[in-house]
N, C-alpha and C. Protein backbone atom coordinates (compact mmCIF):
# COMPACT_ATOMS: atom_id res chain seq x y z
N UNK A 1 -29.93 -31.99 125.04
CA UNK A 1 -29.11 -31.05 125.76
C UNK A 1 -29.06 -31.25 127.27
N UNK A 2 -29.94 -32.07 127.78
CA UNK A 2 -29.78 -32.33 129.17
C UNK A 2 -28.55 -33.34 129.45
N UNK A 3 -28.35 -34.14 128.37
CA UNK A 3 -27.14 -35.01 128.59
C UNK A 3 -25.80 -34.29 128.49
N UNK A 4 -25.78 -33.27 127.70
CA UNK A 4 -24.57 -32.47 127.57
C UNK A 4 -24.36 -31.68 128.90
N UNK A 5 -25.48 -31.02 129.40
CA UNK A 5 -25.34 -30.36 130.79
C UNK A 5 -24.99 -31.32 131.72
N UNK A 6 -25.47 -32.60 131.79
CA UNK A 6 -25.11 -33.52 132.85
C UNK A 6 -23.51 -34.02 132.71
N UNK A 7 -23.11 -34.09 131.49
CA UNK A 7 -21.50 -34.31 131.12
C UNK A 7 -20.80 -33.06 131.82
N UNK A 8 -21.24 -31.92 131.55
CA UNK A 8 -20.46 -30.71 132.00
C UNK A 8 -20.46 -30.67 133.48
N UNK A 9 -21.59 -31.10 134.02
CA UNK A 9 -21.70 -31.07 135.65
C UNK A 9 -20.82 -32.14 136.18
N UNK A 10 -20.57 -33.15 135.49
CA UNK A 10 -19.67 -34.20 136.02
C UNK A 10 -18.27 -34.06 135.50
N UNK A 11 -17.93 -32.80 135.02
CA UNK A 11 -16.51 -32.42 134.67
C UNK A 11 -16.00 -33.33 133.46
N UNK A 12 -16.81 -33.66 132.61
CA UNK A 12 -16.52 -34.34 131.38
C UNK A 12 -16.66 -33.48 130.08
N UNK A 13 -15.99 -32.28 130.14
CA UNK A 13 -16.14 -31.27 129.16
C UNK A 13 -15.74 -31.80 127.76
N UNK A 14 -14.68 -32.56 127.56
CA UNK A 14 -14.36 -33.00 126.10
C UNK A 14 -15.54 -33.87 125.64
N UNK A 15 -16.02 -34.76 126.42
CA UNK A 15 -17.14 -35.69 126.00
C UNK A 15 -18.48 -34.97 125.80
N UNK A 16 -18.63 -33.99 126.53
CA UNK A 16 -19.74 -32.95 126.42
C UNK A 16 -19.77 -32.23 124.96
N UNK A 17 -18.45 -31.72 124.70
CA UNK A 17 -18.32 -31.14 123.38
C UNK A 17 -18.63 -32.06 122.24
N UNK A 18 -18.15 -33.25 122.26
CA UNK A 18 -18.38 -34.21 121.30
C UNK A 18 -19.89 -34.53 121.14
N UNK A 19 -20.59 -34.74 122.22
CA UNK A 19 -22.02 -35.04 122.26
C UNK A 19 -22.75 -33.93 121.70
N UNK A 20 -22.39 -32.72 122.13
CA UNK A 20 -23.05 -31.49 121.67
C UNK A 20 -22.90 -31.35 120.13
N UNK A 21 -21.72 -31.54 119.68
CA UNK A 21 -21.48 -31.43 118.19
C UNK A 21 -22.15 -32.48 117.35
N UNK A 22 -22.16 -33.80 117.84
CA UNK A 22 -22.74 -34.78 117.05
C UNK A 22 -24.29 -34.83 117.15
N UNK A 23 -24.85 -34.31 118.26
CA UNK A 23 -26.26 -34.50 118.55
C UNK A 23 -27.10 -33.17 118.20
N UNK A 24 -26.33 -32.06 118.21
CA UNK A 24 -27.13 -30.86 118.12
C UNK A 24 -26.68 -29.92 116.90
N UNK A 25 -25.28 -29.75 116.87
CA UNK A 25 -24.74 -29.01 115.80
C UNK A 25 -24.90 -29.61 114.46
N UNK A 26 -24.38 -30.75 114.27
CA UNK A 26 -24.47 -31.42 112.94
C UNK A 26 -25.79 -31.66 112.37
N UNK A 27 -26.75 -32.04 113.16
CA UNK A 27 -28.16 -32.13 112.53
C UNK A 27 -28.66 -30.83 112.08
N UNK A 28 -28.44 -29.72 112.96
CA UNK A 28 -28.82 -28.39 112.44
C UNK A 28 -28.18 -27.90 111.27
N UNK A 29 -26.80 -28.27 111.18
CA UNK A 29 -26.19 -27.87 109.91
C UNK A 29 -26.78 -28.62 108.71
N UNK A 30 -27.08 -29.92 108.94
CA UNK A 30 -27.60 -30.64 107.78
C UNK A 30 -28.94 -30.18 107.43
N UNK A 31 -29.81 -29.87 108.29
CA UNK A 31 -31.12 -29.30 107.90
C UNK A 31 -30.94 -27.87 107.34
N UNK A 32 -30.20 -27.00 107.81
CA UNK A 32 -30.03 -25.64 107.16
C UNK A 32 -29.28 -25.67 105.99
N UNK A 33 -28.33 -26.71 105.79
CA UNK A 33 -27.60 -26.90 104.58
C UNK A 33 -28.61 -27.35 103.37
N UNK A 34 -29.43 -28.35 103.71
CA UNK A 34 -30.34 -28.83 102.75
C UNK A 34 -31.41 -27.79 102.38
N UNK A 35 -31.80 -27.06 103.33
CA UNK A 35 -32.65 -25.89 103.03
C UNK A 35 -32.17 -24.96 102.15
N UNK A 36 -30.87 -24.54 102.47
CA UNK A 36 -30.24 -23.58 101.62
C UNK A 36 -30.04 -24.05 100.18
N UNK A 37 -29.72 -25.32 99.95
CA UNK A 37 -29.35 -25.80 98.69
C UNK A 37 -30.83 -25.84 97.90
N UNK A 38 -31.80 -26.19 98.57
CA UNK A 38 -33.20 -26.35 97.93
C UNK A 38 -33.64 -24.83 97.42
N UNK A 39 -33.43 -23.83 98.32
CA UNK A 39 -33.93 -22.60 98.05
C UNK A 39 -33.06 -21.98 96.85
N UNK A 40 -31.75 -22.17 97.05
CA UNK A 40 -30.87 -21.64 95.97
C UNK A 40 -31.04 -22.26 94.58
N UNK A 41 -31.40 -23.55 94.64
CA UNK A 41 -31.68 -24.22 93.31
C UNK A 41 -33.05 -23.72 92.82
N UNK A 42 -33.97 -23.59 93.59
CA UNK A 42 -35.28 -22.97 93.33
C UNK A 42 -35.19 -21.66 92.74
N UNK A 43 -34.40 -20.81 93.25
CA UNK A 43 -34.14 -19.35 92.82
C UNK A 43 -33.22 -19.28 91.60
N UNK A 44 -32.59 -20.50 91.12
CA UNK A 44 -31.63 -20.55 90.14
C UNK A 44 -30.54 -19.61 90.44
N UNK A 45 -29.99 -19.72 91.70
CA UNK A 45 -28.84 -18.86 92.06
C UNK A 45 -27.54 -19.57 91.60
N UNK A 46 -26.53 -18.73 91.27
CA UNK A 46 -25.25 -19.19 90.86
C UNK A 46 -24.24 -18.97 91.92
N UNK A 47 -24.59 -18.33 93.03
CA UNK A 47 -23.67 -17.99 94.00
C UNK A 47 -23.17 -19.29 94.80
N UNK A 48 -22.01 -19.34 95.04
CA UNK A 48 -21.61 -20.53 95.85
C UNK A 48 -21.97 -21.92 95.36
N UNK A 49 -21.98 -22.02 94.03
CA UNK A 49 -22.36 -23.31 93.45
C UNK A 49 -21.40 -24.42 93.86
N UNK A 50 -20.06 -24.15 93.78
CA UNK A 50 -19.22 -25.20 94.04
C UNK A 50 -19.31 -25.53 95.53
N UNK A 51 -19.36 -24.53 96.34
CA UNK A 51 -19.52 -24.64 97.80
C UNK A 51 -20.83 -25.48 98.19
N UNK A 52 -21.79 -25.30 97.53
CA UNK A 52 -22.96 -26.01 97.72
C UNK A 52 -22.89 -27.50 97.38
N UNK A 53 -22.21 -27.66 96.29
CA UNK A 53 -21.98 -29.05 95.87
C UNK A 53 -21.15 -29.76 96.91
N UNK A 54 -20.15 -29.18 97.40
CA UNK A 54 -19.33 -29.82 98.53
C UNK A 54 -20.16 -29.96 99.76
N UNK A 55 -21.05 -29.05 100.08
CA UNK A 55 -21.89 -29.21 101.15
C UNK A 55 -22.78 -30.33 101.03
N UNK A 56 -23.32 -30.63 99.86
CA UNK A 56 -24.14 -31.72 99.59
C UNK A 56 -23.48 -33.05 99.75
N UNK A 57 -22.26 -33.04 99.18
CA UNK A 57 -21.34 -34.37 99.33
C UNK A 57 -21.07 -34.55 100.86
N UNK A 58 -20.82 -33.54 101.50
CA UNK A 58 -20.44 -33.69 103.10
C UNK A 58 -21.74 -34.13 103.74
N UNK A 59 -22.87 -33.53 103.59
CA UNK A 59 -24.04 -33.88 104.15
C UNK A 59 -24.35 -35.43 103.96
N UNK A 60 -24.21 -35.81 102.62
CA UNK A 60 -24.46 -37.29 102.37
C UNK A 60 -23.63 -38.10 103.05
N UNK A 61 -22.32 -37.80 103.11
CA UNK A 61 -21.35 -38.70 103.99
C UNK A 61 -21.63 -38.69 105.43
N UNK A 62 -21.86 -37.54 105.95
CA UNK A 62 -22.18 -37.52 107.52
C UNK A 62 -23.50 -38.18 107.75
N UNK A 63 -24.47 -38.03 106.85
CA UNK A 63 -25.83 -38.59 107.10
C UNK A 63 -25.77 -40.06 107.37
N UNK A 64 -24.93 -40.79 106.78
CA UNK A 64 -24.85 -42.21 107.01
C UNK A 64 -24.27 -42.64 108.31
N UNK A 65 -23.27 -41.72 108.70
CA UNK A 65 -22.59 -42.00 110.04
C UNK A 65 -23.32 -41.63 111.18
N UNK A 66 -24.38 -40.86 110.94
CA UNK A 66 -25.20 -40.39 112.04
C UNK A 66 -25.95 -41.48 112.72
N UNK A 67 -26.18 -42.64 111.99
CA UNK A 67 -26.90 -43.75 112.49
C UNK A 67 -25.97 -44.53 113.57
N UNK A 68 -24.70 -44.20 113.62
CA UNK A 68 -23.89 -44.79 114.74
C UNK A 68 -24.41 -44.19 116.09
N UNK A 69 -24.73 -42.97 116.11
CA UNK A 69 -25.18 -42.39 117.45
C UNK A 69 -26.46 -43.08 117.88
N UNK A 70 -27.36 -43.21 116.93
CA UNK A 70 -28.68 -43.88 117.30
C UNK A 70 -28.45 -45.45 117.76
N UNK A 71 -27.45 -46.11 117.12
CA UNK A 71 -27.24 -47.45 117.50
C UNK A 71 -26.44 -47.62 118.80
N UNK A 72 -25.46 -46.51 119.13
CA UNK A 72 -24.86 -46.52 120.41
C UNK A 72 -25.88 -46.33 121.57
N UNK A 73 -26.81 -45.49 121.36
CA UNK A 73 -27.56 -45.11 122.45
C UNK A 73 -28.62 -46.36 122.69
N UNK A 74 -29.08 -47.13 121.56
CA UNK A 74 -29.84 -48.32 121.61
C UNK A 74 -29.00 -49.34 122.54
N UNK A 75 -27.82 -49.46 122.21
CA UNK A 75 -26.96 -50.45 122.92
C UNK A 75 -26.83 -50.02 124.33
N UNK A 76 -26.49 -48.80 124.63
CA UNK A 76 -26.21 -48.27 125.99
C UNK A 76 -27.60 -48.64 126.82
N UNK A 77 -28.72 -48.27 126.32
CA UNK A 77 -30.01 -48.35 127.00
C UNK A 77 -30.21 -49.84 127.28
N UNK A 78 -29.82 -50.78 126.36
CA UNK A 78 -30.05 -52.24 126.55
C UNK A 78 -29.02 -52.71 127.50
N UNK A 79 -27.79 -52.35 127.60
CA UNK A 79 -26.77 -53.00 128.24
C UNK A 79 -26.61 -52.29 129.77
N UNK A 80 -26.76 -50.99 129.90
CA UNK A 80 -26.43 -50.46 131.17
C UNK A 80 -27.74 -50.28 132.02
N UNK A 81 -28.26 -51.36 132.42
CA UNK A 81 -29.36 -51.48 133.32
C UNK A 81 -28.97 -52.31 134.51
N UNK A 82 -28.40 -51.57 135.50
CA UNK A 82 -27.94 -52.24 136.74
C UNK A 82 -28.81 -51.94 137.92
N UNK A 83 -30.09 -51.77 137.78
CA UNK A 83 -30.99 -51.71 138.84
C UNK A 83 -30.68 -50.22 139.56
N UNK A 84 -30.52 -50.30 140.86
CA UNK A 84 -30.19 -49.06 141.66
C UNK A 84 -28.95 -48.46 141.45
N UNK A 85 -27.91 -49.26 140.85
CA UNK A 85 -26.57 -48.77 140.53
C UNK A 85 -26.62 -47.73 139.50
N UNK A 86 -27.12 -48.14 138.35
CA UNK A 86 -27.26 -47.18 137.18
C UNK A 86 -28.35 -47.64 136.37
N UNK A 87 -28.69 -46.71 135.71
CA UNK A 87 -29.87 -46.92 134.66
C UNK A 87 -29.66 -45.80 133.43
N UNK A 88 -29.85 -46.38 132.29
CA UNK A 88 -29.90 -45.48 131.14
C UNK A 88 -31.23 -45.43 130.48
N UNK A 89 -31.83 -44.29 130.24
CA UNK A 89 -33.13 -44.11 129.62
C UNK A 89 -33.06 -43.23 128.42
N UNK A 90 -33.65 -43.70 127.41
CA UNK A 90 -33.73 -42.88 126.15
C UNK A 90 -34.90 -41.98 126.32
N UNK A 91 -34.69 -40.68 126.14
CA UNK A 91 -35.81 -39.72 126.16
C UNK A 91 -36.28 -39.35 124.81
N UNK A 92 -37.13 -38.29 124.88
CA UNK A 92 -37.64 -37.82 123.69
C UNK A 92 -36.80 -37.20 122.70
N UNK A 93 -35.63 -36.77 123.26
CA UNK A 93 -34.45 -36.32 122.34
C UNK A 93 -34.06 -37.40 121.34
N UNK A 94 -33.97 -38.54 121.66
CA UNK A 94 -33.57 -39.72 120.95
C UNK A 94 -34.37 -39.83 119.76
N UNK A 95 -35.73 -39.68 119.95
CA UNK A 95 -36.76 -39.82 119.01
C UNK A 95 -36.51 -38.67 117.90
N UNK A 96 -36.38 -37.43 118.45
CA UNK A 96 -36.25 -36.36 117.56
C UNK A 96 -34.90 -36.42 116.72
N UNK A 97 -33.87 -36.79 117.42
CA UNK A 97 -32.53 -37.01 116.78
C UNK A 97 -32.76 -38.05 115.62
N UNK A 98 -33.35 -39.23 116.01
CA UNK A 98 -33.41 -40.18 114.97
C UNK A 98 -34.25 -39.76 113.82
N UNK A 99 -35.31 -38.91 114.15
CA UNK A 99 -36.12 -38.50 113.02
C UNK A 99 -35.33 -37.52 112.06
N UNK A 100 -34.54 -36.68 112.75
CA UNK A 100 -33.67 -35.73 111.78
C UNK A 100 -32.65 -36.64 110.94
N UNK A 101 -32.06 -37.66 111.65
CA UNK A 101 -31.16 -38.57 110.87
C UNK A 101 -31.89 -39.03 109.63
N UNK A 102 -32.97 -39.70 109.88
CA UNK A 102 -33.74 -40.45 108.70
C UNK A 102 -34.24 -39.39 107.87
N UNK A 103 -34.69 -38.27 108.25
CA UNK A 103 -35.27 -37.29 107.17
C UNK A 103 -34.18 -36.83 106.38
N UNK A 104 -33.01 -36.41 107.06
CA UNK A 104 -31.95 -35.92 106.15
C UNK A 104 -31.29 -36.93 105.13
N UNK A 105 -31.34 -38.20 105.69
CA UNK A 105 -30.76 -39.08 104.74
C UNK A 105 -31.82 -39.45 103.55
N UNK A 106 -33.05 -39.33 103.80
CA UNK A 106 -34.05 -39.43 102.60
C UNK A 106 -34.00 -38.12 101.76
N UNK A 107 -33.82 -37.00 102.38
CA UNK A 107 -33.86 -35.79 101.65
C UNK A 107 -32.46 -35.65 100.70
N UNK A 108 -31.55 -36.13 101.37
CA UNK A 108 -30.17 -36.20 100.50
C UNK A 108 -30.31 -37.26 99.41
N UNK A 109 -30.95 -38.37 99.49
CA UNK A 109 -31.15 -39.29 98.46
C UNK A 109 -32.01 -38.78 97.35
N UNK A 110 -33.02 -38.12 97.84
CA UNK A 110 -33.96 -37.56 96.78
C UNK A 110 -33.47 -36.43 96.04
N UNK A 111 -32.71 -35.53 96.78
CA UNK A 111 -32.15 -34.34 96.11
C UNK A 111 -31.15 -34.67 95.07
N UNK A 112 -31.33 -34.27 93.95
CA UNK A 112 -30.37 -34.44 92.69
C UNK A 112 -29.47 -33.23 92.66
N UNK A 113 -28.27 -33.42 92.97
CA UNK A 113 -27.32 -32.26 93.10
C UNK A 113 -27.04 -31.62 91.59
N UNK A 114 -27.43 -32.41 90.67
CA UNK A 114 -27.37 -31.97 89.24
C UNK A 114 -28.13 -30.71 88.96
N UNK A 115 -29.34 -30.82 89.67
CA UNK A 115 -30.23 -29.71 89.50
C UNK A 115 -29.69 -28.39 89.73
N UNK A 116 -28.75 -28.25 90.74
CA UNK A 116 -28.20 -26.88 91.08
C UNK A 116 -27.45 -26.47 89.77
N UNK A 117 -26.77 -27.33 89.07
CA UNK A 117 -25.95 -26.93 87.89
C UNK A 117 -26.98 -26.74 86.77
N UNK A 118 -27.98 -27.58 86.55
CA UNK A 118 -28.92 -27.44 85.52
C UNK A 118 -29.60 -26.03 85.66
N UNK A 119 -29.89 -25.56 86.91
CA UNK A 119 -30.64 -24.33 87.11
C UNK A 119 -29.83 -23.17 86.51
N UNK A 120 -28.49 -23.17 86.58
CA UNK A 120 -27.68 -22.17 86.16
C UNK A 120 -27.66 -22.19 84.65
N UNK A 121 -27.64 -23.44 84.02
CA UNK A 121 -27.53 -23.55 82.51
C UNK A 121 -28.99 -22.97 81.96
N UNK A 122 -29.98 -23.19 82.69
CA UNK A 122 -31.36 -22.71 82.16
C UNK A 122 -31.43 -21.20 82.21
N UNK A 123 -30.74 -20.68 83.25
CA UNK A 123 -30.73 -19.18 83.48
C UNK A 123 -30.00 -18.48 82.42
N UNK A 124 -28.93 -19.11 81.95
CA UNK A 124 -28.06 -18.44 81.00
C UNK A 124 -28.61 -18.71 79.62
């Protein structure tokens, strides 16, 4: 969040919106989406079944592309070290972001979306 505030402070609002969306909004949407799918499947809910399936596919697709953010920060930290002119440091936020990306990728791989549909068949 400090990076987003820094970008806003430097009048780079479009870039701040992109960073905020990619680094904060999307990881939260993925975590809440996976939690919702898991709970709805556990409760054998038939509500929004098609929407949950689409959300699963979206989370699966987005999850792979989130690695680009981690890679770009790693490259920036390695390349932009110009002593007193400029320096880029990865903070604790990068570790948390990378953990969310990896956890959601594994959770998406492990979660079988057919279970959502099977839970409905068992209920009927």
